[in-house]
């Protein structure tokens, strides 16, 4: 099993929806600015999965310079990531993530977010853990300027190593 870490931030702006973990917060006054739908939580999870699989980062696979990803649905990017690692014989085992924002409160929607992400990752919801905290009034999060998310993903399976002998001792 291998593990990867993901981190993302996006600025809060008017005129955009707030989407976290594929769930739209209709009552939010501000949304997140970005090339895609700016789902900061899903982006952090994608980076964690790619890191665990040794496949680089979200910018390498879904660059913001590519018009094909303009306003992209991050859940579709997550599905593409899941399929990408699956092609290497890997699968996501567990995701643990934290969203850092002042408002709205994430608590009432955490279960919905878990279930949405679990469905895309083909996991049971208890294998997707979502937490929330605030910036305690400090930094860009505390001032209500943006949202941050951190994630760790565990990935199982082992892609073949070119040229490796199965009977060779571990390095």
C-alpha atoms as a PDB file:
ATOM      1  CA  UNK A   1       0.000   0.000   0.000  1.00  0.00           C
ATOM      2  CA  UNK A   2       1.231   3.496  -0.763  1.00  0.00           C
ATOM      3  CA  UNK A   3       0.074   6.880   0.445  1.00  0.00           C
ATOM      4  CA  UNK A   4      -0.061  10.329  -1.105  1.00  0.00           C
ATOM      5  CA  UNK A   5      -0.727  13.835   0.165  1.00  0.00           C
ATOM      6  CA  UNK A   6      -2.715  16.526  -1.607  1.00  0.00           C
ATOM      7  CA  UNK A   7      -3.198  20.212  -0.888  1.00  0.00           C
ATOM      8  CA  UNK A   8      -5.123  22.897  -2.738  1.00  0.00           C
ATOM      9  CA  UNK A   9      -6.381  26.433  -2.218  1.00  0.00           C
ATOM     10  CA  UNK A  10      -8.779  28.654  -4.114  1.00  0.00           C
ATOM     11  CA  UNK A  11      -9.847  32.268  -3.673  1.00  0.00           C
ATOM     12  CA  UNK A  12     -13.449  33.061  -2.699  1.00  0.00           C
ATOM     13  CA  UNK A  13     -15.232  35.292  -5.213  1.00  0.00           C
ATOM     14  CA  UNK A  14     -18.715  36.504  -6.068  1.00  0.00           C
ATOM     15  CA  UNK A  15     -20.609  35.036  -8.988  1.00  0.00           C
ATOM     16  CA  UNK A  16     -19.296  31.472  -8.729  1.00  0.00           C
ATOM     17  CA  UNK A  17     -20.875  28.463  -7.034  1.00  0.00           C
ATOM     18  CA  UNK A  18     -19.249  26.938  -3.949  1.00  0.00           C
ATOM     19  CA  UNK A  19     -18.631  23.267  -4.720  1.00  0.00           C
ATOM     20  CA  UNK A  20     -16.892  21.001  -2.229  1.00  0.00           C
ATOM     21  CA  UNK A  21     -16.506  17.282  -2.796  1.00  0.00           C
ATOM     22  CA  UNK A  22     -18.939  17.484  -5.698  1.00  0.00           C
ATOM     23  CA  UNK A  23     -21.674  19.030  -3.538  1.00  0.00           C
ATOM     24  CA  UNK A  24     -22.957  22.512  -4.393  1.00  0.00           C
ATOM     25  CA  UNK A  25     -23.647  24.828  -1.458  1.00  0.00           C
ATOM     26  CA  UNK A  26     -26.562  26.796  -2.923  1.00  0.00           C
ATOM     27  CA  UNK A  27     -26.829  29.143   0.071  1.00  0.00           C
ATOM     28  CA  UNK A  28     -23.166  30.205   0.007  1.00  0.00           C
ATOM     29  CA  UNK A  29     -22.642  33.899  -0.696  1.00  0.00           C
ATOM     30  CA  UNK A  30     -19.272  33.293  -2.358  1.00  0.00           C
ATOM     31  CA  UNK A  31     -17.857  30.553  -4.557  1.00  0.00           C
ATOM     32  CA  UNK A  32     -14.378  29.479  -5.542  1.00  0.00           C
ATOM     33  CA  UNK A  33     -12.383  30.969  -8.397  1.00  0.00           C
ATOM     34  CA  UNK A  34     -10.594  28.609 -10.740  1.00  0.00           C
ATOM     35  CA  UNK A  35     -10.207  27.287 -14.270  1.00  0.00           C
ATOM     36  CA  UNK A  36     -12.424  24.270 -13.555  1.00  0.00           C
ATOM     37  CA  UNK A  37     -15.317  24.274 -11.076  1.00  0.00           C
ATOM     38  CA  UNK A  38     -12.634  25.035  -8.419  1.00  0.00           C
ATOM     39  CA  UNK A  39     -13.695  22.187  -6.107  1.00  0.00           C
ATOM     40  CA  UNK A  40     -10.749  22.583  -3.747  1.00  0.00           C
ATOM     41  CA  UNK A  41     -11.557  19.400  -1.798  1.00  0.00           C
ATOM     42  CA  UNK A  42     -11.764  17.152  -4.843  1.00  0.00           C
ATOM     43  CA  UNK A  43      -8.577  18.706  -6.237  1.00  0.00           C
ATOM     44  CA  UNK A  44      -6.670  17.895  -3.033  1.00  0.00           C
ATOM     45  CA  UNK A  45      -7.972  14.315  -3.172  1.00  0.00           C
ATOM     46  CA  UNK A  46      -6.929  13.965  -6.825  1.00  0.00           C
ATOM     47  CA  UNK A  47      -3.421  15.151  -5.948  1.00  0.00           C
ATOM     48  CA  UNK A  48      -3.254  12.693  -3.034  1.00  0.00           C
ATOM     49  CA  UNK A  49      -4.288   9.788  -5.265  1.00  0.00           C
ATOM     50  CA  UNK A  50      -1.848  10.755  -8.009  1.00  0.00           C
ATOM     51  CA  UNK A  51       0.897  11.092  -5.409  1.00  0.00           C
ATOM     52  CA  UNK A  52       0.181   7.662  -3.937  1.00  0.00           C
ATOM     53  CA  UNK A  53       0.317   6.170  -7.433  1.00  0.00           C
ATOM     54  CA  UNK A  54       3.524   8.039  -8.313  1.00  0.00           C
ATOM     55  CA  UNK A  55       1.791   9.769 -11.226  1.00  0.00           C
ATOM     56  CA  UNK A  56       2.650  13.401 -10.673  1.00  0.00           C
ATOM     57  CA  UNK A  57       0.039  16.005  -9.844  1.00  0.00           C
ATOM     58  CA  UNK A  58      -3.279  17.422 -10.978  1.00  0.00           C
ATOM     59  CA  UNK A  59      -1.624  20.159 -13.055  1.00  0.00           C
ATOM     60  CA  UNK A  60       0.202  17.588 -15.156  1.00  0.00           C
ATOM     61  CA  UNK A  61      -2.965  15.662 -15.987  1.00  0.00           C
ATOM     62  CA  UNK A  62      -5.530  18.494 -16.096  1.00  0.00           C
ATOM     63  CA  UNK A  63      -3.591  21.719 -16.803  1.00  0.00           C
ATOM     64  CA  UNK A  64      -5.352  25.051 -16.395  1.00  0.00           C
ATOM     65  CA  UNK A  65      -3.783  26.079 -19.705  1.00  0.00           C
ATOM     66  CA  UNK A  66      -5.920  23.513 -21.541  1.00  0.00           C
ATOM     67  CA  UNK A  67      -9.293  24.933 -22.634  1.00  0.00           C
ATOM     68  CA  UNK A  68     -10.773  21.413 -22.432  1.00  0.00           C
ATOM     69  CA  UNK A  69     -10.731  21.748 -18.639  1.00  0.00           C
ATOM     70  CA  UNK A  70     -12.415  25.175 -18.507  1.00  0.00           C
ATOM     71  CA  UNK A  71     -15.321  24.860 -16.030  1.00  0.00           C
ATOM     72  CA  UNK A  72     -14.656  21.096 -15.820  1.00  0.00           C
ATOM     73  CA  UNK A  73     -16.615  19.073 -13.276  1.00  0.00           C
ATOM     74  CA  UNK A  74     -14.014  17.984 -10.724  1.00  0.00           C
ATOM     75  CA  UNK A  75     -15.907  14.765 -10.031  1.00  0.00           C
ATOM     76  CA  UNK A  76     -15.283  13.815 -13.665  1.00  0.00           C
ATOM     77  CA  UNK A  77     -11.586  14.599 -13.156  1.00  0.00           C
ATOM     78  CA  UNK A  78     -11.662  12.362 -10.062  1.00  0.00           C
ATOM     79  CA  UNK A  79     -13.301   9.575 -12.086  1.00  0.00           C
ATOM     80  CA  UNK A  80     -10.611   9.953 -14.768  1.00  0.00           C
ATOM     81  CA  UNK A  81      -7.940   9.767 -12.056  1.00  0.00           C
ATOM     82  CA  UNK A  82      -9.503   6.624 -10.575  1.00  0.00           C
ATOM     83  CA  UNK A  83      -9.538   5.010 -14.025  1.00  0.00           C
ATOM     84  CA  UNK A  84      -5.946   6.134 -14.695  1.00  0.00           C
ATOM     85  CA  UNK A  85      -4.558   4.410 -11.619  1.00  0.00           C
ATOM     86  CA  UNK A  86      -6.821   1.420 -12.288  1.00  0.00           C
ATOM     87  CA  UNK A  87      -5.100   0.960 -15.637  1.00  0.00           C
ATOM     88  CA  UNK A  88      -1.890   0.450 -13.627  1.00  0.00           C
ATOM     89  CA  UNK A  89      -3.536  -2.182 -11.422  1.00  0.00           C
ATOM     90  CA  UNK A  90      -4.068   0.201  -8.506  1.00  0.00           C
ATOM     91  CA  UNK A  91      -7.168   1.173  -6.564  1.00  0.00           C
ATOM     92  CA  UNK A  92      -7.980   3.706  -3.869  1.00  0.00           C
ATOM     93  CA  UNK A  93      -8.409   2.085  -0.465  1.00  0.00           C
ATOM     94  CA  UNK A  94      -9.056   5.106   1.771  1.00  0.00           C
ATOM     95  CA  UNK A  95      -9.189   8.910   1.676  1.00  0.00           C
ATOM     96  CA  UNK A  96      -8.939  11.271   4.639  1.00  0.00           C
ATOM     97  CA  UNK A  97      -9.377  15.001   4.000  1.00  0.00           C
ATOM     98  CA  UNK A  98      -9.769  18.287   5.839  1.00  0.00           C
ATOM     99  CA  UNK A  99     -11.425  21.439   4.493  1.00  0.00           C
ATOM    100  CA  UNK A 100     -10.260  24.707   6.043  1.00  0.00           C
ATOM    101  CA  UNK A 101     -12.810  27.539   5.697  1.00  0.00           C
ATOM    102  CA  UNK A 102     -14.702  30.019   7.817  1.00  0.00           C
ATOM    103  CA  UNK A 103     -18.178  29.613   6.328  1.00  0.00           C
ATOM    104  CA  UNK A 104     -20.494  28.057   5.505  1.00  0.00           C
ATOM    105  CA  UNK A 105     -20.229  25.316   8.103  1.00  0.00           C
ATOM    106  CA  UNK A 106     -19.414  22.003   6.464  1.00  0.00           C
ATOM    107  CA  UNK A 107     -20.820  19.790   9.234  1.00  0.00           C
ATOM    108  CA  UNK A 108     -24.402  19.531   7.973  1.00  0.00           C
ATOM    109  CA  UNK A 109     -23.185  18.400   4.515  1.00  0.00           C
ATOM    110  CA  UNK A 110     -20.245  16.137   5.435  1.00  0.00           C
ATOM    111  CA  UNK A 111     -22.150  12.880   4.998  1.00  0.00           C
ATOM    112  CA  UNK A 112     -23.448  13.961   1.586  1.00  0.00           C
ATOM    113  CA  UNK A 113     -19.888  14.842   0.538  1.00  0.00           C
ATOM    114  CA  UNK A 114     -18.561  11.482   1.801  1.00  0.00           C
ATOM    115  CA  UNK A 115     -21.221   9.581  -0.126  1.00  0.00           C
ATOM    116  CA  UNK A 116     -20.664  11.594  -3.311  1.00  0.00           C
ATOM    117  CA  UNK A 117     -16.900  11.068  -3.278  1.00  0.00           C
ATOM    118  CA  UNK A 118     -17.231   7.403  -2.267  1.00  0.00           C
ATOM    119  CA  UNK A 119     -19.539   6.734  -5.206  1.00  0.00           C
ATOM    120  CA  UNK A 120     -17.008   8.137  -7.694  1.00  0.00           C
ATOM    121  CA  UNK A 121     -14.097   6.325  -6.032  1.00  0.00           C
ATOM    122  CA  UNK A 122     -16.139   3.095  -5.780  1.00  0.00           C
ATOM    123  CA  UNK A 123     -15.632   2.918  -2.035  1.00  0.00           C
ATOM    124  CA  UNK A 124     -17.895   2.470   0.939  1.00  0.00           C
ATOM    125  CA  UNK A 125     -18.555   5.886   2.546  1.00  0.00           C
ATOM    126  CA  UNK A 126     -16.663   4.904   5.716  1.00  0.00           C
ATOM    127  CA  UNK A 127     -13.503   4.777   3.580  1.00  0.00           C
ATOM    128  CA  UNK A 128     -13.865   8.476   2.776  1.00  0.00           C
ATOM    129  CA  UNK A 129     -13.356  10.617   5.860  1.00  0.00           C
ATOM    130  CA  UNK A 130     -14.115  14.341   5.649  1.00  0.00           C
ATOM    131  CA  UNK A 131     -13.243  16.820   8.385  1.00  0.00           C
ATOM    132  CA  UNK A 132     -13.600  20.591   8.644  1.00  0.00           C
ATOM    133  CA  UNK A 133     -11.891  23.334  10.584  1.00  0.00           C
ATOM    134  CA  UNK A 134     -11.548  27.094  10.433  1.00  0.00           C
ATOM    135  CA  UNK A 135      -8.592  29.451  10.228  1.00  0.00           C
ATOM    136  CA  UNK A 136      -9.438  30.848  13.693  1.00  0.00           C
ATOM    137  CA  UNK A 137      -9.422  34.323  12.152  1.00  0.00           C
ATOM    138  CA  UNK A 138      -5.821  33.962  10.932  1.00  0.00           C
ATOM    139  CA  UNK A 139      -4.402  34.039   7.406  1.00  0.00           C
ATOM    140  CA  UNK A 140      -6.281  34.087   4.109  1.00  0.00           C
ATOM    141  CA  UNK A 141      -8.774  31.485   5.345  1.00  0.00           C
ATOM    142  CA  UNK A 142      -9.422  33.307   8.598  1.00  0.00           C
ATOM    143  CA  UNK A 143     -10.023  36.570   6.735  1.00  0.00           C
ATOM    144  CA  UNK A 144     -12.590  34.794   4.509  1.00  0.00           C
ATOM    145  CA  UNK A 145     -10.502  35.267   1.366  1.00  0.00           C
ATOM    146  CA  UNK A 146     -10.227  31.619   0.382  1.00  0.00           C
ATOM    147  CA  UNK A 147     -10.605  27.942   1.186  1.00  0.00           C
ATOM    148  CA  UNK A 148      -7.909  25.296   1.596  1.00  0.00           C
ATOM    149  CA  UNK A 149      -8.099  21.507   1.612  1.00  0.00           C
ATOM    150  CA  UNK A 150      -5.652  18.791   2.577  1.00  0.00           C
ATOM    151  CA  UNK A 151      -6.000  15.102   1.778  1.00  0.00           C
ATOM    152  CA  UNK A 152      -4.206  11.813   2.141  1.00  0.00           C
ATOM    153  CA  UNK A 153      -5.060   8.798   0.012  1.00  0.00           C
ATOM    154  CA  UNK A 154      -4.075   5.176   0.425  1.00  0.00           C
ATOM    155  CA  UNK A 155      -3.726   3.191  -2.779  1.00  0.00           C
ATOM    156  CA  UNK A 156      -3.457  -0.606  -3.015  1.00  0.00           C
ATOM    157  CA  UNK A 157      -1.957  -2.839  -5.645  1.00  0.00           C
ATOM    158  CA  UNK A 158       1.434  -2.825  -7.210  1.00  0.00           C
ATOM    159  CA  UNK A 159       2.057  -1.941 -10.814  1.00  0.00           C
ATOM    160  CA  UNK A 160       4.755  -4.054 -12.459  1.00  0.00           C
ATOM    161  CA  UNK A 161       8.241  -2.629 -12.262  1.00  0.00           C
ATOM    162  CA  UNK A 162       9.951  -2.805 -15.661  1.00  0.00           C
ATOM    163  CA  UNK A 163      13.060  -4.957 -15.485  1.00  0.00           C
ATOM    164  CA  UNK A 164      12.485  -6.026 -11.878  1.00  0.00           C
ATOM    165  CA  UNK A 165      12.914  -9.679 -10.984  1.00  0.00           C
ATOM    166  CA  UNK A 166      10.197 -11.124  -8.809  1.00  0.00           C
ATOM    167  CA  UNK A 167      12.778 -13.129  -6.812  1.00  0.00           C
ATOM    168  CA  UNK A 168      15.046 -10.115  -6.206  1.00  0.00           C
ATOM    169  CA  UNK A 169      15.370  -8.976  -2.593  1.00  0.00           C
ATOM    170  CA  UNK A 170      13.830  -5.603  -1.739  1.00  0.00           C
ATOM    171  CA  UNK A 171      16.170  -2.641  -2.055  1.00  0.00           C
END
